C-alpha cells in the first residue's frame, strides 16, 4: 500500500500547526486584551470555519487564489506563485480552516488568568512581550497543548477544503482523507480501512496524550 498520502498528511499537519502557533499566539493574546468592535469582527471571521461547510470555504479560496482571478492572478503574474492545486495551497487552506482550533483555546485561557500576574510583571520592569512569554504562557500549558493537538488532529482529517483548493494529485496534494475517499469510490475497502485505521490511531494517541498531560498538570499536591 502507498503510504505517501499518510506522510503528506503528517507533513501538512505539522507545518500548519507550527505556522498557526507562531501566528496564533500573538493574535490570541491581542484578542484577549479588552474588547472593541474590530476585535469582535476579527474574532467572528476567525471562528467562521467552525460553522461554514468546508466545501464553501474551499470554493472561495479556490476563486480567490485561482491564477485567473483576483489575488491568485496577481501572485502568479508578480511572483510566479500558484496556490491552487499545489501543496502550498493545502497549507494555506489548512491554516485558515484550523485557525479557530489554535486561537480559541489560547484566548480563553489567557482571559481566565488573573490581571495581577501581568501587573506584577510590569512592576518588575518586564515588557509586555516578556510578560507574555515568561509569565503568561507557562500558566496556560494545558490549554496551549490542547490547542496544538486539536490543530494537528483537525488538519489530519480535513477533506472538503483541501480537495477544493488542492485537488487530487498523487504525491503532491493527495492526502490521506482524499485517499480514503478514492479507495471507497473504487470499492477498495481494505485500503480505505487501512488509511482510516492509521489516522484513527494517530489521532487517538494524540488525544489520550493530551488528557494524561492535562490530568498530571492539574493534579493537586494532595493526590
C-alpha atoms as a PDB file:
ATOM      1  CA  UNK A   1       0.000   0.000   0.000  1.00  0.00           C
ATOM      2  CA  UNK A   2       1.213   3.505  -0.845  1.00  0.00           C
ATOM      3  CA  UNK A   3       1.914   5.407   2.380  1.00  0.00           C
ATOM      4  CA  UNK A   4       2.659   8.688   0.606  1.00  0.00           C
ATOM      5  CA  UNK A   5      -0.792  10.132   1.479  1.00  0.00           C
ATOM      6  CA  UNK A   6      -0.083   9.468   5.181  1.00  0.00           C
ATOM      7  CA  UNK A   7       3.287  11.216   5.049  1.00  0.00           C
ATOM      8  CA  UNK A   8       1.800  14.131   3.118  1.00  0.00           C
ATOM      9  CA  UNK A   9      -0.939  14.421   5.731  1.00  0.00           C
ATOM     10  CA  UNK A  10       1.522  14.384   8.627  1.00  0.00           C
ATOM     11  CA  UNK A  11       3.719  16.941   6.843  1.00  0.00           C
ATOM     12  CA  UNK A  12       0.715  19.178   6.195  1.00  0.00           C
ATOM     13  CA  UNK A  13      -0.480  18.896   9.804  1.00  0.00           C
ATOM     14  CA  UNK A  14       2.978  19.654  11.214  1.00  0.00           C
ATOM     15  CA  UNK A  15       3.557  22.718   9.008  1.00  0.00           C
ATOM     16  CA  UNK A  16       0.039  24.023   9.655  1.00  0.00           C
ATOM     17  CA  UNK A  17       0.419  23.607  13.420  1.00  0.00           C
ATOM     18  CA  UNK A  18       3.789  25.380  13.540  1.00  0.00           C
ATOM     19  CA  UNK A  19       2.559  28.282  11.408  1.00  0.00           C
ATOM     20  CA  UNK A  20      -0.621  28.659  13.461  1.00  0.00           C
ATOM     21  CA  UNK A  21       1.355  28.535  16.699  1.00  0.00           C
ATOM     22  CA  UNK A  22       3.578  31.386  15.501  1.00  0.00           C
ATOM     23  CA  UNK A  23       0.624  33.430  14.230  1.00  0.00           C
ATOM     24  CA  UNK A  24      -1.959  32.346  16.778  1.00  0.00           C
ATOM     25  CA  UNK A  25      -0.093  33.188  19.987  1.00  0.00           C
ATOM     26  CA  UNK A  26       0.169  36.965  19.411  1.00  0.00           C
ATOM     27  CA  UNK A  27      -3.321  37.112  17.857  1.00  0.00           C
ATOM     28  CA  UNK A  28      -4.883  35.242  20.789  1.00  0.00           C
ATOM     29  CA  UNK A  29      -3.037  37.485  23.241  1.00  0.00           C
ATOM     30  CA  UNK A  30      -4.236  40.624  21.465  1.00  0.00           C
ATOM     31  CA  UNK A  31      -7.834  39.384  21.294  1.00  0.00           C
ATOM     32  CA  UNK A  32      -7.787  38.508  24.997  1.00  0.00           C
ATOM     33  CA  UNK A  33      -6.917  42.087  25.981  1.00  0.00           C
ATOM     34  CA  UNK A  34     -10.101  44.159  26.106  1.00  0.00           C
ATOM     35  CA  UNK A  35     -12.946  44.377  23.617  1.00  0.00           C
ATOM     36  CA  UNK A  36     -13.544  46.540  20.573  1.00  0.00           C
ATOM     37  CA  UNK A  37     -15.795  46.306  17.538  1.00  0.00           C
ATOM     38  CA  UNK A  38     -12.822  45.492  15.317  1.00  0.00           C
ATOM     39  CA  UNK A  39     -11.754  42.652  17.610  1.00  0.00           C
ATOM     40  CA  UNK A  40     -15.290  41.261  17.622  1.00  0.00           C
ATOM     41  CA  UNK A  41     -15.384  41.289  13.815  1.00  0.00           C
ATOM     42  CA  UNK A  42     -11.943  39.670  13.570  1.00  0.00           C
ATOM     43  CA  UNK A  43     -12.883  37.003  16.100  1.00  0.00           C
ATOM     44  CA  UNK A  44     -16.067  36.278  14.130  1.00  0.00           C
ATOM     45  CA  UNK A  45     -14.032  35.868  10.933  1.00  0.00           C
ATOM     46  CA  UNK A  46     -11.581  33.539  12.682  1.00  0.00           C
ATOM     47  CA  UNK A  47     -14.484  31.459  14.028  1.00  0.00           C
ATOM     48  CA  UNK A  48     -16.282  31.126  10.668  1.00  0.00           C
ATOM     49  CA  UNK A  49     -14.520  27.859   9.664  1.00  0.00           C
ATOM     50  CA  UNK A  50     -16.240  26.189  12.635  1.00  0.00           C
ATOM     51  CA  UNK A  51     -19.696  26.817  11.163  1.00  0.00           C
ATOM     52  CA  UNK A  52     -19.080  27.045   7.404  1.00  0.00           C
ATOM     53  CA  UNK A  53     -19.162  23.846   5.338  1.00  0.00           C
ATOM     54  CA  UNK A  54     -15.540  23.060   4.363  1.00  0.00           C
ATOM     55  CA  UNK A  55     -16.503  22.938   0.690  1.00  0.00           C
ATOM     56  CA  UNK A  56     -17.815  26.522   0.878  1.00  0.00           C
ATOM     57  CA  UNK A  57     -14.574  27.800   2.373  1.00  0.00           C
ATOM     58  CA  UNK A  58     -12.588  25.763  -0.148  1.00  0.00           C
ATOM     59  CA  UNK A  59     -14.652  27.139  -3.037  1.00  0.00           C
ATOM     60  CA  UNK A  60     -13.995  30.761  -2.087  1.00  0.00           C
ATOM     61  CA  UNK A  61     -10.305  30.052  -1.552  1.00  0.00           C
ATOM     62  CA  UNK A  62     -10.268  28.433  -4.998  1.00  0.00           C
ATOM     63  CA  UNK A  63     -11.800  31.554  -6.525  1.00  0.00           C
ATOM     64  CA  UNK A  64      -9.573  33.950  -4.580  1.00  0.00           C
ATOM     65  CA  UNK A  65      -6.291  32.204  -5.419  1.00  0.00           C
ATOM     66  CA  UNK A  66      -7.064  30.948  -8.913  1.00  0.00           C
ATOM     67  CA  UNK A  67      -4.393  32.135 -11.405  1.00  0.00           C
ATOM     68  CA  UNK A  68      -7.214  33.595 -13.494  1.00  0.00           C
ATOM     69  CA  UNK A  69      -8.780  35.757 -10.788  1.00  0.00           C
ATOM     70  CA  UNK A  70      -8.033  38.379  -8.110  1.00  0.00           C
ATOM     71  CA  UNK A  71      -5.225  37.740  -5.651  1.00  0.00           C
ATOM     72  CA  UNK A  72      -4.240  34.492  -7.325  1.00  0.00           C
ATOM     73  CA  UNK A  73      -3.778  36.191 -10.686  1.00  0.00           C
ATOM     74  CA  UNK A  74      -1.676  38.962  -9.126  1.00  0.00           C
ATOM     75  CA  UNK A  75       0.507  36.466  -7.228  1.00  0.00           C
ATOM     76  CA  UNK A  76       1.012  34.369 -10.340  1.00  0.00           C
ATOM     77  CA  UNK A  77       1.921  37.324 -12.558  1.00  0.00           C
ATOM     78  CA  UNK A  78       4.058  39.172  -9.995  1.00  0.00           C
ATOM     79  CA  UNK A  79       5.825  36.400  -8.067  1.00  0.00           C
ATOM     80  CA  UNK A  80       5.084  33.324 -10.216  1.00  0.00           C
ATOM     81  CA  UNK A  81       3.392  31.744  -7.182  1.00  0.00           C
ATOM     82  CA  UNK A  82       0.386  29.468  -7.554  1.00  0.00           C
ATOM     83  CA  UNK A  83      -1.560  28.178  -4.561  1.00  0.00           C
ATOM     84  CA  UNK A  84      -4.289  26.301  -6.421  1.00  0.00           C
ATOM     85  CA  UNK A  85      -3.551  22.578  -6.947  1.00  0.00           C
ATOM     86  CA  UNK A  86      -0.283  22.722  -5.024  1.00  0.00           C
ATOM     87  CA  UNK A  87       0.973  21.738  -1.580  1.00  0.00           C
ATOM     88  CA  UNK A  88       1.362  25.435  -0.746  1.00  0.00           C
ATOM     89  CA  UNK A  89      -2.357  25.772  -1.355  1.00  0.00           C
ATOM     90  CA  UNK A  90      -3.070  22.937   1.058  1.00  0.00           C
ATOM     91  CA  UNK A  91      -1.024  24.711   3.724  1.00  0.00           C
ATOM     92  CA  UNK A  92      -2.832  27.996   3.128  1.00  0.00           C
ATOM     93  CA  UNK A  93      -6.260  26.343   3.275  1.00  0.00           C
ATOM     94  CA  UNK A  94      -5.344  24.336   6.370  1.00  0.00           C
ATOM     95  CA  UNK A  95      -4.042  27.398   8.221  1.00  0.00           C
ATOM     96  CA  UNK A  96      -7.293  29.255   7.577  1.00  0.00           C
ATOM     97  CA  UNK A  97      -9.522  26.255   8.287  1.00  0.00           C
ATOM     98  CA  UNK A  98      -7.774  25.213  11.529  1.00  0.00           C
ATOM     99  CA  UNK A  99      -7.194  28.728  12.883  1.00  0.00           C
ATOM    100  CA  UNK A 100     -10.062  28.689  15.435  1.00  0.00           C
ATOM    101  CA  UNK A 101      -8.742  25.452  16.956  1.00  0.00           C
ATOM    102  CA  UNK A 102      -5.454  27.177  17.807  1.00  0.00           C
ATOM    103  CA  UNK A 103      -6.590  30.686  18.696  1.00  0.00           C
ATOM    104  CA  UNK A 104      -9.826  29.870  20.558  1.00  0.00           C
ATOM    105  CA  UNK A 105      -8.433  27.774  23.460  1.00  0.00           C
ATOM    106  CA  UNK A 106      -5.410  30.049  23.929  1.00  0.00           C
ATOM    107  CA  UNK A 107      -7.517  33.217  24.000  1.00  0.00           C
ATOM    108  CA  UNK A 108      -9.954  31.716  26.516  1.00  0.00           C
ATOM    109  CA  UNK A 109      -7.109  30.561  28.756  1.00  0.00           C
ATOM    110  CA  UNK A 110      -5.424  33.971  28.687  1.00  0.00           C
ATOM    111  CA  UNK A 111      -8.708  35.690  29.578  1.00  0.00           C
ATOM    112  CA  UNK A 112      -9.043  33.488  32.664  1.00  0.00           C
ATOM    113  CA  UNK A 113      -5.640  34.432  34.081  1.00  0.00           C
ATOM    114  CA  UNK A 114      -5.761  36.980  36.920  1.00  0.00           C
ATOM    115  CA  UNK A 115      -4.785  40.510  35.910  1.00  0.00           C
ATOM    116  CA  UNK A 116      -2.447  40.628  38.913  1.00  0.00           C
ATOM    117  CA  UNK A 117       0.012  38.324  37.115  1.00  0.00           C
ATOM    118  CA  UNK A 118       0.638  40.863  34.368  1.00  0.00           C
ATOM    119  CA  UNK A 119       0.608  43.812  36.744  1.00  0.00           C
ATOM    120  CA  UNK A 120       3.215  42.198  38.996  1.00  0.00           C
ATOM    121  CA  UNK A 121       5.411  41.510  35.981  1.00  0.00           C
ATOM    122  CA  UNK A 122       5.118  45.091  34.723  1.00  0.00           C
ATOM    123  CA  UNK A 123       6.010  46.388  38.186  1.00  0.00           C
ATOM    124  CA  UNK A 124       9.250  44.408  37.978  1.00  0.00           C
ATOM    125  CA  UNK A 125      10.175  46.184  34.758  1.00  0.00           C
ATOM    126  CA  UNK A 126       9.299  43.459  32.268  1.00  0.00           C
ATOM    127  CA  UNK A 127       7.849  44.441  28.896  1.00  0.00           C
ATOM    128  CA  UNK A 128       4.508  43.180  27.614  1.00  0.00           C
ATOM    129  CA  UNK A 129       6.233  40.660  25.348  1.00  0.00           C
ATOM    130  CA  UNK A 130       8.491  39.430  28.174  1.00  0.00           C
ATOM    131  CA  UNK A 131       5.438  39.119  30.409  1.00  0.00           C
ATOM    132  CA  UNK A 132       3.600  37.136  27.766  1.00  0.00           C
ATOM    133  CA  UNK A 133       6.482  34.721  27.143  1.00  0.00           C
ATOM    134  CA  UNK A 134       7.837  34.211  30.654  1.00  0.00           C
ATOM    135  CA  UNK A 135       4.757  34.697  32.850  1.00  0.00           C
ATOM    136  CA  UNK A 136       1.503  34.115  30.961  1.00  0.00           C
ATOM    137  CA  UNK A 137       2.411  31.208  28.667  1.00  0.00           C
ATOM    138  CA  UNK A 138       3.814  28.983  31.448  1.00  0.00           C
ATOM    139  CA  UNK A 139       0.479  29.391  33.246  1.00  0.00           C
ATOM    140  CA  UNK A 140      -1.587  28.084  30.345  1.00  0.00           C
ATOM    141  CA  UNK A 141       0.349  24.913  29.485  1.00  0.00           C
ATOM    142  CA  UNK A 142      -2.677  22.543  29.376  1.00  0.00           C
ATOM    143  CA  UNK A 143      -4.824  24.793  27.123  1.00  0.00           C
ATOM    144  CA  UNK A 144      -1.785  25.528  24.958  1.00  0.00           C
ATOM    145  CA  UNK A 145      -1.053  21.837  24.451  1.00  0.00           C
ATOM    146  CA  UNK A 146      -4.745  21.199  23.803  1.00  0.00           C
ATOM    147  CA  UNK A 147      -4.776  23.894  21.116  1.00  0.00           C
ATOM    148  CA  UNK A 148      -1.672  22.437  19.448  1.00  0.00           C
ATOM    149  CA  UNK A 149      -3.022  18.884  19.430  1.00  0.00           C
ATOM    150  CA  UNK A 150      -6.504  19.930  18.292  1.00  0.00           C
ATOM    151  CA  UNK A 151      -4.979  21.883  15.413  1.00  0.00           C
ATOM    152  CA  UNK A 152      -2.771  18.973  14.380  1.00  0.00           C
ATOM    153  CA  UNK A 153      -5.563  16.400  14.671  1.00  0.00           C
ATOM    154  CA  UNK A 154      -8.078  18.608  12.886  1.00  0.00           C
ATOM    155  CA  UNK A 155      -5.705  19.056   9.965  1.00  0.00           C
ATOM    156  CA  UNK A 156      -5.292  15.281   9.694  1.00  0.00           C
ATOM    157  CA  UNK A 157      -8.994  14.890   8.968  1.00  0.00           C
ATOM    158  CA  UNK A 158      -9.522  17.752   6.528  1.00  0.00           C
ATOM    159  CA  UNK A 159     -11.286  16.772   3.327  1.00  0.00           C
ATOM    160  CA  UNK A 160     -13.582  19.279   1.631  1.00  0.00           C
ATOM    161  CA  UNK A 161     -11.376  22.343   1.867  1.00  0.00           C
ATOM    162  CA  UNK A 162      -8.181  20.564   0.758  1.00  0.00           C
ATOM    163  CA  UNK A 163      -9.985  18.802  -2.086  1.00  0.00           C
ATOM    164  CA  UNK A 164     -11.365  22.088  -3.420  1.00  0.00           C
ATOM    165  CA  UNK A 165      -8.087  24.001  -3.463  1.00  0.00           C
ATOM    166  CA  UNK A 166      -5.603  21.138  -3.848  1.00  0.00           C
ATOM    167  CA  UNK A 167      -7.435  18.625  -5.986  1.00  0.00           C
ATOM    168  CA  UNK A 168      -6.271  15.016  -6.033  1.00  0.00           C
ATOM    169  CA  UNK A 169      -2.723  14.995  -7.394  1.00  0.00           C
ATOM    170  CA  UNK A 170      -0.687  11.902  -6.365  1.00  0.00           C
ATOM    171  CA  UNK A 171       2.441  12.708  -4.322  1.00  0.00           C
ATOM    172  CA  UNK A 172       1.511  16.408  -4.269  1.00  0.00           C
ATOM    173  CA  UNK A 173      -1.965  17.058  -2.810  1.00  0.00           C
ATOM    174  CA  UNK A 174      -3.439  13.571  -2.355  1.00  0.00           C
ATOM    175  CA  UNK A 175      -3.606  13.465   1.444  1.00  0.00           C
ATOM    176  CA  UNK A 176      -4.973  10.560   3.484  1.00  0.00           C
ATOM    177  CA  UNK A 177      -8.584  11.735   3.709  1.00  0.00           C
ATOM    178  CA  UNK A 178      -8.750  12.019  -0.086  1.00  0.00           C
ATOM    179  CA  UNK A 179      -7.045   8.638  -0.452  1.00  0.00           C
ATOM    180  CA  UNK A 180      -9.761   7.111   1.743  1.00  0.00           C
ATOM    181  CA  UNK A 181     -12.446   8.653  -0.459  1.00  0.00           C
ATOM    182  CA  UNK A 182     -10.733   7.378  -3.614  1.00  0.00           C
ATOM    183  CA  UNK A 183     -10.453   3.874  -2.199  1.00  0.00           C
ATOM    184  CA  UNK A 184     -14.134   3.799  -1.284  1.00  0.00           C
ATOM    185  CA  UNK A 185     -15.075   5.093  -4.747  1.00  0.00           C
ATOM    186  CA  UNK A 186     -13.114   2.171  -6.206  1.00  0.00           C
ATOM    187  CA  UNK A 187     -14.722  -0.209  -3.681  1.00  0.00           C
ATOM    188  CA  UNK A 188     -11.264  -0.985  -2.290  1.00  0.00           C
ATOM    189  CA  UNK A 189     -12.445  -1.169   1.293  1.00  0.00           C
ATOM    190  CA  UNK A 190      -9.274  -2.827   2.589  1.00  0.00           C
ATOM    191  CA  UNK A 191      -7.132   0.133   1.536  1.00  0.00           C
ATOM    192  CA  UNK A 192      -9.699   2.608   2.827  1.00  0.00           C
ATOM    193  CA  UNK A 193      -9.794   0.755   6.136  1.00  0.00           C
ATOM    194  CA  UNK A 194      -6.004   0.771   6.443  1.00  0.00           C
ATOM    195  CA  UNK A 195      -5.744   4.524   5.828  1.00  0.00           C
ATOM    196  CA  UNK A 196      -8.634   5.158   8.229  1.00  0.00           C
ATOM    197  CA  UNK A 197      -7.126   2.988  10.968  1.00  0.00           C
ATOM    198  CA  UNK A 198      -3.780   4.783  10.701  1.00  0.00           C
ATOM    199  CA  UNK A 199      -5.457   8.187  11.007  1.00  0.00           C
ATOM    200  CA  UNK A 200      -7.640   6.946  13.854  1.00  0.00           C
ATOM    201  CA  UNK A 201      -4.640   5.525  15.738  1.00  0.00           C
ATOM    202  CA  UNK A 202      -2.582   8.710  15.363  1.00  0.00           C
ATOM    203  CA  UNK A 203      -5.467  10.918  16.479  1.00  0.00           C
ATOM    204  CA  UNK A 204      -6.395   8.641  19.388  1.00  0.00           C
ATOM    205  CA  UNK A 205      -2.819   8.583  20.715  1.00  0.00           C
ATOM    206  CA  UNK A 206      -2.605  12.371  20.485  1.00  0.00           C
ATOM    207  CA  UNK A 207      -5.893  12.904  22.343  1.00  0.00           C
ATOM    208  CA  UNK A 208      -5.029  10.368  25.044  1.00  0.00           C
ATOM    209  CA  UNK A 209      -1.653  12.040  25.483  1.00  0.00           C
ATOM    210  CA  UNK A 210      -3.321  15.430  26.000  1.00  0.00           C
ATOM    211  CA  UNK A 211      -5.726  14.021  28.586  1.00  0.00           C
ATOM    212  CA  UNK A 212      -2.884  12.382  30.522  1.00  0.00           C
ATOM    213  CA  UNK A 213      -0.754  15.536  30.407  1.00  0.00           C
ATOM    214  CA  UNK A 214      -3.625  17.775  31.492  1.00  0.00           C
ATOM    215  CA  UNK A 215      -4.555  15.456  34.338  1.00  0.00           C
ATOM    216  CA  UNK A 216      -0.935  15.449  35.516  1.00  0.00           C
ATOM    217  CA  UNK A 217      -0.717  19.242  35.323  1.00  0.00           C
ATOM    218  CA  UNK A 218      -3.977  19.798  37.176  1.00  0.00           C
ATOM    219  CA  UNK A 219      -3.460  17.082  39.803  1.00  0.00           C
ATOM    220  CA  UNK A 220      -3.437  18.537  43.318  1.00  0.00           C
ATOM    221  CA  UNK A 221      -0.402  18.034  45.564  1.00  0.00           C
ATOM    222  CA  UNK A 222      -2.571  16.006  47.953  1.00  0.00           C
ATOM    223  CA  UNK A 223      -3.385  13.335  45.374  1.00  0.00           C
END
